[in-house]
Amino acid sequence: MNRVNDYDSFAEAYAAENENSLLNAYYERPAMLSLAGDVTGRRILDAGCGAGPLTAALRDRGAEVTGIDASAGMLALARRRLGEDVPLRLADLNDPLPFADGAFDDVVASLVLHYLEDWKPALSELRRVLRPGGRLIASVDHPFVAYTIQEPRPDYFATTSYSFEWTFGGQTVPMRFWRRPLHAMTGAFTDAGFRLTALVEPQPDPAARDLFPGDFESLSTKTAFLFFVLEAAP
């Protein structure tokens, strides 16, 4: 039986899909980069870097980026993209991270937290490796989307898992995410020592209008991902 969320088994297919898709290339990554702003000289941890498209974009904007991911296959693709000048480490957000306290000015966590049933260990470590006043910029599946796609609908106020299948390049793989209500997300951040500075529901990049005309209009009028900017409290 195939394991759920086994990115090593479909790394190439996922990376190819992610590279130019509407949701990733023209919605999620532009939003993350916009929220990050001027990153020149900032030490940034890309937590769950995958094949490295966001890592590369941050590096090209002048940041000193380190990438971590739980998938060796995805990290191999990131190494191919980034060369040897970007540190990459195999690391699981459920475990202690191999970095010193206050090692980073920012952490970006792009569509990674919804893989975790319990956010506490991960957020505790992300807070630890951030300097006081540093930022966590995170995107997750919007809780309303995750709630409405399930039938029968779960208790909105509970943290529940949901399973589905993704197909990339003709390969179908089993996935499982965790959804939680909005107040549980903000509460987890606060409990970990973060202050919420922005909660964003962005629009897709206008450049996608001509590339994905039908899907662009649909994405422009509904929720997809939710974005947080948080400050590490002193």
C-alpha atoms as a PDB file:
ATOM      1  CA  MET A   1       0.000   0.000   0.000  1.00  0.00           C
ATOM      2  CA  ASN A   2       1.273   3.484  -0.838  1.00  0.00           C
ATOM      3  CA  ARG A   3       2.102   5.707   2.123  1.00  0.00           C
ATOM      4  CA  VAL A   4       0.273   9.011   2.484  1.00  0.00           C
ATOM      5  CA  ASN A   5       2.167  12.243   1.792  1.00  0.00           C
ATOM      6  CA  ASP A   6       5.146  10.252   0.450  1.00  0.00           C
ATOM      7  CA  TYR A   7       6.793  13.011  -1.549  1.00  0.00           C
ATOM      8  CA  ASP A   8       9.833  10.871  -2.287  1.00  0.00           C
ATOM      9  CA  SER A   9       7.592   8.708  -4.486  1.00  0.00           C
ATOM     10  CA  PHE A  10       6.368  11.587  -6.673  1.00  0.00           C
ATOM     11  CA  ALA A  11       8.916  14.369  -6.215  1.00  0.00           C
ATOM     12  CA  GLU A  12       9.618  14.917  -9.921  1.00  0.00           C
ATOM     13  CA  ALA A  13       5.941  14.968 -10.905  1.00  0.00           C
ATOM     14  CA  TYR A  14       4.963  17.305  -8.081  1.00  0.00           C
ATOM     15  CA  ALA A  15       7.837  19.714  -8.748  1.00  0.00           C
ATOM     16  CA  ALA A  16       6.918  19.895 -12.435  1.00  0.00           C
ATOM     17  CA  GLU A  17       3.284  20.663 -11.583  1.00  0.00           C
ATOM     18  CA  ASN A  18       4.218  23.208  -8.921  1.00  0.00           C
ATOM     19  CA  GLU A  19       6.587  25.119 -11.193  1.00  0.00           C
ATOM     20  CA  ASN A  20       4.004  26.868 -13.359  1.00  0.00           C
ATOM     21  CA  SER A  21       0.577  26.077 -11.907  1.00  0.00           C
ATOM     22  CA  LEU A  22      -1.988  28.788 -11.245  1.00  0.00           C
ATOM     23  CA  LEU A  23      -2.241  28.026  -7.526  1.00  0.00           C
ATOM     24  CA  ASN A  24       1.492  27.866  -6.880  1.00  0.00           C
ATOM     25  CA  ALA A  25       3.263  30.061  -9.431  1.00  0.00           C
ATOM     26  CA  TYR A  26       0.601  32.768  -9.815  1.00  0.00           C
ATOM     27  CA  TYR A  27      -1.084  32.803  -6.414  1.00  0.00           C
ATOM     28  CA  GLU A  28       0.728  31.280  -3.459  1.00  0.00           C
ATOM     29  CA  ARG A  29       4.359  32.157  -4.197  1.00  0.00           C
ATOM     30  CA  PRO A  30       3.677  35.732  -5.328  1.00  0.00           C
ATOM     31  CA  ALA A  31       1.692  36.288  -2.144  1.00  0.00           C
ATOM     32  CA  MET A  32       4.501  34.910   0.026  1.00  0.00           C
ATOM     33  CA  LEU A  33       7.075  37.092  -1.729  1.00  0.00           C
ATOM     34  CA  SER A  34       4.882  40.165  -1.405  1.00  0.00           C
ATOM     35  CA  LEU A  35       4.427  39.579   2.311  1.00  0.00           C
ATOM     36  CA  ALA A  36       8.172  39.038   2.754  1.00  0.00           C
ATOM     37  CA  GLY A  37       8.917  42.405   1.126  1.00  0.00           C
ATOM     38  CA  ASP A  38      12.527  43.541   0.928  1.00  0.00           C
ATOM     39  CA  VAL A  39      14.609  40.569   2.083  1.00  0.00           C
ATOM     40  CA  THR A  40      18.053  41.866   1.145  1.00  0.00           C
ATOM     41  CA  GLY A  41      20.581  40.500   3.624  1.00  0.00           C
ATOM     42  CA  ARG A  42      17.961  38.769   5.769  1.00  0.00           C
ATOM     43  CA  ARG A  43      18.673  35.272   7.078  1.00  0.00           C
ATOM     44  CA  ILE A  44      15.650  33.199   6.057  1.00  0.00           C
ATOM     45  CA  LEU A  45      14.708  29.609   6.804  1.00  0.00           C
ATOM     46  CA  ASP A  46      12.469  28.042   4.145  1.00  0.00           C
ATOM     47  CA  ALA A  47      10.714  25.423   6.282  1.00  0.00           C
ATOM     48  CA  GLY A  48       9.353  22.791   3.903  1.00  0.00           C
ATOM     49  CA  CYS A  49      11.237  24.097   0.877  1.00  0.00           C
ATOM     50  CA  GLY A  50      10.322  21.231  -1.455  1.00  0.00           C
ATOM     51  CA  ALA A  51      12.098  21.541  -4.807  1.00  0.00           C
ATOM     52  CA  GLY A  52      13.140  25.088  -3.926  1.00  0.00           C
ATOM     53  CA  PRO A  53      11.158  27.547  -6.076  1.00  0.00           C
ATOM     54  CA  LEU A  54      10.461  29.918  -3.173  1.00  0.00           C
ATOM     55  CA  THR A  55      13.985  29.414  -1.848  1.00  0.00           C
ATOM     56  CA  ALA A  56      15.379  30.436  -5.228  1.00  0.00           C
ATOM     57  CA  ALA A  57      13.132  33.493  -5.468  1.00  0.00           C
ATOM     58  CA  LEU A  58      14.184  34.691  -2.013  1.00  0.00           C
ATOM     59  CA  ARG A  59      17.848  34.111  -2.780  1.00  0.00           C
ATOM     60  CA  ASP A  60      17.530  36.029  -6.037  1.00  0.00           C
ATOM     61  CA  ARG A  61      16.084  38.938  -4.028  1.00  0.00           C
ATOM     62  CA  GLY A  62      19.186  39.083  -1.851  1.00  0.00           C
ATOM     63  CA  ALA A  63      18.284  36.898   1.132  1.00  0.00           C
ATOM     64  CA  GLU A  64      20.608  34.409   2.796  1.00  0.00           C
ATOM     65  CA  VAL A  65      18.360  31.361   2.599  1.00  0.00           C
ATOM     66  CA  THR A  66      18.544  27.922   4.208  1.00  0.00           C
ATOM     67  CA  GLY A  67      16.107  25.223   3.152  1.00  0.00           C
ATOM     68  CA  ILE A  68      14.786  22.229   5.056  1.00  0.00           C
ATOM     69  CA  ASP A  69      12.393  19.491   4.004  1.00  0.00           C
ATOM     70  CA  ALA A  70      11.359  16.045   5.242  1.00  0.00           C
ATOM     71  CA  SER A  71      11.667  14.552   1.748  1.00  0.00           C
ATOM     72  CA  ALA A  72      15.116  13.572   0.493  1.00  0.00           C
ATOM     73  CA  GLY A  73      13.710  13.378  -3.019  1.00  0.00           C
ATOM     74  CA  MET A  74      12.467  16.952  -2.922  1.00  0.00           C
ATOM     75  CA  LEU A  75      15.775  18.162  -1.470  1.00  0.00           C
ATOM     76  CA  ALA A  76      17.646  16.482  -4.316  1.00  0.00           C
ATOM     77  CA  LEU A  77      15.574  18.525  -6.776  1.00  0.00           C
ATOM     78  CA  ALA A  78      16.218  21.664  -4.716  1.00  0.00           C
ATOM     79  CA  ARG A  79      19.961  20.991  -4.824  1.00  0.00           C
ATOM     80  CA  ARG A  80      19.772  20.601  -8.607  1.00  0.00           C
ATOM     81  CA  ARG A  81      18.005  23.979  -8.832  1.00  0.00           C
ATOM     82  CA  LEU A  82      20.017  25.923  -6.267  1.00  0.00           C
ATOM     83  CA  GLY A  83      23.530  24.587  -6.671  1.00  0.00           C
ATOM     84  CA  GLU A  84      25.897  24.394  -3.737  1.00  0.00           C
ATOM     85  CA  ASP A  85      25.581  27.944  -2.393  1.00  0.00           C
ATOM     86  CA  VAL A  86      22.300  27.416  -0.494  1.00  0.00           C
ATOM     87  CA  PRO A  87      22.416  25.222   2.652  1.00  0.00           C
ATOM     88  CA  LEU A  88      19.827  22.421   2.508  1.00  0.00           C
ATOM     89  CA  ARG A  89      19.055  20.050   5.361  1.00  0.00           C
ATOM     90  CA  LEU A  90      16.846  17.006   5.748  1.00  0.00           C
ATOM     91  CA  ALA A  91      14.611  17.858   8.724  1.00  0.00           C
ATOM     92  CA  ASP A  92      11.118  17.074   9.969  1.00  0.00           C
ATOM     93  CA  LEU A  93       9.089  19.859  11.571  1.00  0.00           C
ATOM     94  CA  ASN A  94       7.863  17.405  14.181  1.00  0.00           C
ATOM     95  CA  ASP A  95      11.445  17.120  15.492  1.00  0.00           C
ATOM     96  CA  PRO A  96      13.999  19.548  16.959  1.00  0.00           C
ATOM     97  CA  LEU A  97      15.625  21.639  14.228  1.00  0.00           C
ATOM     98  CA  PRO A  98      19.417  21.582  13.681  1.00  0.00           C
ATOM     99  CA  PHE A  99      19.903  25.325  14.187  1.00  0.00           C
ATOM    100  CA  ALA A 100      20.934  27.611  17.024  1.00  0.00           C
ATOM    101  CA  ASP A 101      18.537  29.867  18.891  1.00  0.00           C
ATOM    102  CA  GLY A 102      17.862  33.082  16.983  1.00  0.00           C
ATOM    103  CA  ALA A 103      19.636  31.865  13.857  1.00  0.00           C
ATOM    104  CA  PHE A 104      17.158  33.480  11.437  1.00  0.00           C
ATOM    105  CA  ASP A 105      15.481  36.812  10.794  1.00  0.00           C
ATOM    106  CA  ASP A 106      12.522  35.188   9.017  1.00  0.00           C
ATOM    107  CA  VAL A 107      10.948  31.788   8.536  1.00  0.00           C
ATOM    108  CA  VAL A 108       8.727  31.063   5.561  1.00  0.00           C
ATOM    109  CA  ALA A 109       6.444  28.043   5.857  1.00  0.00           C
ATOM    110  CA  SER A 110       4.745  27.630   2.503  1.00  0.00           C
ATOM    111  CA  LEU A 111       1.743  25.246   2.537  1.00  0.00           C
ATOM    112  CA  VAL A 112       3.339  23.000   5.129  1.00  0.00           C
ATOM    113  CA  LEU A 113       1.544  23.388   8.473  1.00  0.00           C
ATOM    114  CA  HIS A 114      -1.621  21.633   7.293  1.00  0.00           C
ATOM    115  CA  TYR A 115       0.393  18.398   7.094  1.00  0.00           C
ATOM    116  CA  LEU A 116       0.771  18.457  10.892  1.00  0.00           C
ATOM    117  CA  GLU A 117      -1.799  17.197  13.362  1.00  0.00           C
ATOM    118  CA  ASP A 118      -0.151  19.055  16.251  1.00  0.00           C
ATOM    119  CA  TRP A 119       1.355  22.474  15.529  1.00  0.00           C
ATOM    120  CA  LYS A 120       2.886  22.928  18.973  1.00  0.00           C
ATOM    121  CA  PRO A 121       6.289  21.204  18.451  1.00  0.00           C
ATOM    122  CA  ALA A 122       6.839  22.820  15.052  1.00  0.00           C
ATOM    123  CA  LEU A 123       5.860  26.328  16.121  1.00  0.00           C
ATOM    124  CA  SER A 124       7.947  26.050  19.269  1.00  0.00           C
ATOM    125  CA  GLU A 125      11.012  25.225  17.188  1.00  0.00           C
ATOM    126  CA  LEU A 126      10.308  27.894  14.590  1.00  0.00           C
ATOM    127  CA  ARG A 127       9.989  30.454  17.372  1.00  0.00           C
ATOM    128  CA  ARG A 128      13.252  29.242  18.906  1.00  0.00           C
ATOM    129  CA  VAL A 129      15.300  29.620  15.735  1.00  0.00           C
ATOM    130  CA  LEU A 130      13.922  33.135  15.093  1.00  0.00           C
ATOM    131  CA  ARG A 131      15.508  36.183  16.660  1.00  0.00           C
ATOM    132  CA  PRO A 132      13.181  38.319  18.777  1.00  0.00           C
ATOM    133  CA  GLY A 133      11.180  40.466  16.387  1.00  0.00           C
ATOM    134  CA  GLY A 134      11.774  38.040  13.534  1.00  0.00           C
ATOM    135  CA  ARG A 135       8.912  37.013  11.300  1.00  0.00           C
ATOM    136  CA  LEU A 136       7.098  33.788  10.521  1.00  0.00           C
ATOM    137  CA  ILE A 137       5.313  34.032   7.161  1.00  0.00           C
ATOM    138  CA  ALA A 138       3.046  31.051   6.654  1.00  0.00           C
ATOM    139  CA  SER A 139       0.438  29.859   4.182  1.00  0.00           C
ATOM    140  CA  VAL A 140      -2.058  27.075   4.810  1.00  0.00           C
ATOM    141  CA  ASP A 141      -5.141  25.609   3.221  1.00  0.00           C
ATOM    142  CA  HIS A 142      -7.980  27.971   4.084  1.00  0.00           C
ATOM    143  CA  PRO A 143     -10.015  26.401   6.928  1.00  0.00           C
ATOM    144  CA  PHE A 144     -13.292  27.186   5.161  1.00  0.00           C
ATOM    145  CA  VAL A 145     -12.179  25.329   2.036  1.00  0.00           C
ATOM    146  CA  ALA A 146     -11.023  22.318   4.006  1.00  0.00           C
ATOM    147  CA  TYR A 147     -14.331  22.303   5.862  1.00  0.00           C
ATOM    148  CA  THR A 148     -16.630  22.596   2.852  1.00  0.00           C
ATOM    149  CA  ILE A 149     -14.942  19.924   0.695  1.00  0.00           C
ATOM    150  CA  GLN A 150     -15.611  17.194   3.247  1.00  0.00           C
ATOM    151  CA  GLU A 151     -18.824  15.193   3.092  1.00  0.00           C
ATOM    152  CA  PRO A 152     -20.341  14.738   5.528  1.00  0.00           C
ATOM    153  CA  ARG A 153     -19.017  17.986   6.927  1.00  0.00           C
ATOM    154  CA  PRO A 154     -17.022  17.578  10.141  1.00  0.00           C
ATOM    155  CA  ASP A 155     -17.374  19.514  13.354  1.00  0.00           C
ATOM    156  CA  TYR A 156     -15.899  22.872  12.301  1.00  0.00           C
ATOM    157  CA  PHE A 157     -14.502  23.475  15.781  1.00  0.00           C
ATOM    158  CA  ALA A 158     -12.596  20.180  15.892  1.00  0.00           C
ATOM    159  CA  THR A 159      -9.172  19.418  14.438  1.00  0.00           C
ATOM    160  CA  THR A 160      -9.756  16.623  11.944  1.00  0.00           C
ATOM    161  CA  SER A 161      -7.873  14.938   9.125  1.00  0.00           C
ATOM    162  CA  TYR A 162      -9.090  14.497   5.598  1.00  0.00           C
ATOM    163  CA  SER A 163      -7.729  12.259   2.861  1.00  0.00           C
ATOM    164  CA  PHE A 164      -7.813  12.581  -0.907  1.00  0.00           C
ATOM    165  CA  GLU A 165      -5.864  11.614  -4.012  1.00  0.00           C
ATOM    166  CA  TRP A 166      -3.615  13.842  -6.104  1.00  0.00           C
ATOM    167  CA  THR A 167      -2.701  13.054  -9.691  1.00  0.00           C
ATOM    168  CA  PHE A 168       0.533  14.384 -11.197  1.00  0.00           C
ATOM    169  CA  GLY A 169       1.837  13.334 -14.599  1.00  0.00           C
ATOM    170  CA  GLY A 170      -0.497  10.355 -14.631  1.00  0.00           C
ATOM    171  CA  GLN A 171       0.582   9.216 -11.148  1.00  0.00           C
ATOM    172  CA  THR A 172      -2.095   9.131  -8.433  1.00  0.00           C
ATOM    173  CA  VAL A 173      -0.944   9.349  -4.816  1.00  0.00           C
ATOM    174  CA  PRO A 174      -2.762   9.311  -1.464  1.00  0.00           C
ATOM    175  CA  MET A 175      -2.595  12.445   0.669  1.00  0.00           C
ATOM    176  CA  ARG A 176      -3.775  13.451   4.137  1.00  0.00           C
ATOM    177  CA  PHE A 177      -4.056  16.962   5.541  1.00  0.00           C
ATOM    178  CA  TRP A 178      -5.254  18.302   8.881  1.00  0.00           C
ATOM    179  CA  ARG A 179      -7.821  21.078   9.138  1.00  0.00           C
ATOM    180  CA  ARG A 180      -8.530  23.175  12.201  1.00  0.00           C
ATOM    181  CA  PRO A 181     -10.724  26.203  12.866  1.00  0.00           C
ATOM    182  CA  LEU A 182      -9.297  29.664  12.439  1.00  0.00           C
ATOM    183  CA  HIS A 183      -9.245  30.408  16.165  1.00  0.00           C
ATOM    184  CA  ALA A 184      -7.189  27.252  16.758  1.00  0.00           C
ATOM    185  CA  MET A 185      -4.620  28.451  14.235  1.00  0.00           C
ATOM    186  CA  THR A 186      -4.281  31.904  15.774  1.00  0.00           C
ATOM    187  CA  GLY A 187      -4.279  30.407  19.266  1.00  0.00           C
ATOM    188  CA  ALA A 188      -1.450  28.036  18.357  1.00  0.00           C
ATOM    189  CA  PHE A 189       0.636  30.933  17.069  1.00  0.00           C
ATOM    190  CA  THR A 190      -0.011  32.996  20.198  1.00  0.00           C
ATOM    191  CA  ASP A 191       0.770  30.084  22.511  1.00  0.00           C
ATOM    192  CA  ALA A 192       4.087  29.589  20.725  1.00  0.00           C
ATOM    193  CA  GLY A 193       5.148  33.188  21.333  1.00  0.00           C
ATOM    194  CA  PHE A 194       4.066  34.920  18.130  1.00  0.00           C
ATOM    195  CA  ARG A 195       2.075  38.105  17.567  1.00  0.00           C
ATOM    196  CA  LEU A 196      -0.197  38.225  14.548  1.00  0.00           C
ATOM    197  CA  THR A 197       0.607  41.241  12.371  1.00  0.00           C
ATOM    198  CA  ALA A 198      -1.293  40.349   9.186  1.00  0.00           C
ATOM    199  CA  LEU A 199      -3.955  37.888   8.057  1.00  0.00           C
ATOM    200  CA  VAL A 200      -4.265  37.918   4.274  1.00  0.00           C
ATOM    201  CA  GLU A 201      -6.589  36.440   1.635  1.00  0.00           C
ATOM    202  CA  PRO A 202      -4.862  37.615  -1.553  1.00  0.00           C
ATOM    203  CA  GLN A 203      -5.876  37.740  -5.181  1.00  0.00           C
ATOM    204  CA  PRO A 204      -3.935  35.801  -7.840  1.00  0.00           C
ATOM    205  CA  ASP A 205      -1.303  37.541  -9.932  1.00  0.00           C
ATOM    206  CA  PRO A 206      -3.075  39.496 -12.710  1.00  0.00           C
ATOM    207  CA  ALA A 207      -0.576  38.007 -15.181  1.00  0.00           C
ATOM    208  CA  ALA A 208      -2.463  34.715 -14.816  1.00  0.00           C
ATOM    209  CA  ARG A 209      -5.659  36.141 -16.287  1.00  0.00           C
ATOM    210  CA  ASP A 210      -4.629  35.440 -19.879  1.00  0.00           C
ATOM    211  CA  LEU A 211      -2.820  32.197 -19.043  1.00  0.00           C
ATOM    212  CA  PHE A 212      -5.676  30.599 -17.076  1.00  0.00           C
ATOM    213  CA  PRO A 213      -8.791  32.589 -18.063  1.00  0.00           C
ATOM    214  CA  GLY A 214     -11.469  30.297 -16.655  1.00  0.00           C
ATOM    215  CA  ASP A 215      -9.607  29.185 -13.549  1.00  0.00           C
ATOM    216  CA  PHE A 216      -8.401  32.736 -12.867  1.00  0.00           C
ATOM    217  CA  GLU A 217     -11.954  34.048 -12.576  1.00  0.00           C
ATOM    218  CA  SER A 218     -12.894  31.178 -10.285  1.00  0.00           C
ATOM    219  CA  LEU A 219      -9.871  31.651  -8.025  1.00  0.00           C
ATOM    220  CA  SER A 220     -10.494  35.403  -7.874  1.00  0.00           C
ATOM    221  CA  THR A 221     -13.904  34.896  -6.275  1.00  0.00           C
ATOM    222  CA  LYS A 222     -13.323  32.133  -3.733  1.00  0.00           C
ATOM    223  CA  THR A 223     -11.042  31.198  -0.865  1.00  0.00           C
ATOM    224  CA  ALA A 224      -8.062  28.905  -1.413  1.00  0.00           C
ATOM    225  CA  PHE A 225      -5.169  29.582   0.972  1.00  0.00           C
ATOM    226  CA  LEU A 226      -4.820  31.711   4.093  1.00  0.00           C
ATOM    227  CA  PHE A 227      -1.643  33.696   4.794  1.00  0.00           C
ATOM    228  CA  PHE A 228      -0.241  34.787   8.157  1.00  0.00           C
ATOM    229  CA  VAL A 229       2.535  37.214   9.042  1.00  0.00           C
ATOM    230  CA  LEU A 230       3.630  36.795  12.659  1.00  0.00           C
ATOM    231  CA  GLU A 231       6.265  38.439  14.801  1.00  0.00           C
ATOM    232  CA  ALA A 232       8.368  36.534  17.295  1.00  0.00           C
ATOM    233  CA  ALA A 233       7.672  38.221  20.621  1.00  0.00           C
ATOM    234  CA  PRO A 234      10.697  39.176  22.753  1.00  0.00           C
END
